[in-house]
Amino acid sequence: MAVPRKKMSKSRIGMRRSGHQLGTVTWVEDKKSGELRRPHHIDLKSGVYKGRQVLTVKTDA
C-alpha cells in the first residue's frame, strides 16, 4: 500500500486546491429576442435551439 513520505503542509494543500474554485458563468445575448441565455442551451422564453423550435411555449391564460 502506498504511504506518503512527508506530511503535506496546509500551504501546499491550499495550492493544490486553488483550481477547485467556481468559475464564472457565461451568458450570451439571443440574436432574435435579445434575452440572455447560456450558450448551447435552449432559450426557455421562446423554446428555440439552434434556430429551430424545440419546446412549445405556454401562454398565460
Protein backbone atom coordinates (compact mmCIF):
# COMPACT_ATOMS: atom_id res chain seq x y z
CA MET A 1 0.00 0.00 0.00
CA ALA A 2 1.29 3.46 -0.89
CA VAL A 3 2.29 5.63 2.05
CA PRO A 4 3.17 9.35 1.74
CA ARG A 5 6.78 10.10 2.65
CA LYS A 6 6.15 13.51 4.23
CA LYS A 7 3.27 15.45 5.68
CA MET A 8 1.55 17.82 3.26
CA SER A 9 1.62 21.35 4.64
CA LYS A 10 -1.52 23.50 4.73
CA SER A 11 0.08 25.82 2.22
CA ARG A 12 0.78 23.06 -0.29
CA ILE A 13 -2.73 21.61 0.14
CA GLY A 14 -4.14 25.09 -0.48
CA MET A 15 -2.00 25.46 -3.61
CA ARG A 16 -3.27 22.14 -4.93
CA ARG A 17 -6.89 23.13 -4.27
CA SER A 18 -6.53 26.58 -5.84
CA GLY A 19 -8.04 25.31 -9.08
CA HIS A 20 -11.17 23.98 -7.37
CA GLN A 21 -12.89 27.36 -7.15
CA LEU A 22 -16.11 28.01 -9.04
CA GLY A 23 -15.77 29.57 -12.44
CA THR A 24 -17.86 32.42 -13.77
CA VAL A 25 -20.98 31.53 -15.73
CA THR A 26 -21.04 32.65 -19.37
CA TRP A 27 -24.14 34.33 -20.81
CA VAL A 28 -24.82 35.29 -24.42
CA GLU A 29 -27.46 37.62 -25.80
CA ASP A 30 -30.02 35.91 -28.03
CA LYS A 31 -29.99 37.38 -31.55
CA LYS A 32 -33.75 37.36 -32.06
CA SER A 33 -35.27 38.03 -28.64
CA GLY A 34 -32.37 39.90 -27.02
CA GLU A 35 -32.73 37.80 -23.84
CA LEU A 36 -29.68 36.48 -22.01
CA ARG A 37 -29.20 32.71 -22.12
CA ARG A 38 -26.47 30.15 -21.59
CA PRO A 39 -24.53 29.09 -24.71
CA HIS A 40 -25.57 25.68 -26.12
CA HIS A 41 -28.81 25.74 -24.08
CA ILE A 42 -32.46 26.09 -25.08
CA ASP A 43 -33.96 29.57 -24.85
CA LEU A 44 -36.76 28.91 -22.33
CA LYS A 45 -38.69 32.07 -23.26
CA SER A 46 -39.15 31.13 -26.91
CA GLY A 47 -38.30 27.38 -26.88
CA VAL A 48 -35.81 27.74 -29.73
CA TYR A 49 -32.45 25.92 -30.00
CA LYS A 50 -30.10 26.38 -32.96
CA GLY A 51 -32.76 28.19 -34.97
CA ARG A 52 -35.50 25.55 -34.68
CA GLN A 53 -38.49 25.24 -32.39
CA VAL A 54 -37.83 22.58 -29.73
CA LEU A 55 -40.32 23.38 -26.95
CA THR A 56 -43.87 24.59 -27.18
CA VAL A 57 -44.31 27.90 -25.38
CA LYS A 58 -47.10 28.03 -22.80
CA THR A 59 -49.24 31.17 -22.84
CA ASP A 60 -50.67 32.57 -19.60
CA ALA A 61 -54.42 32.07 -19.75
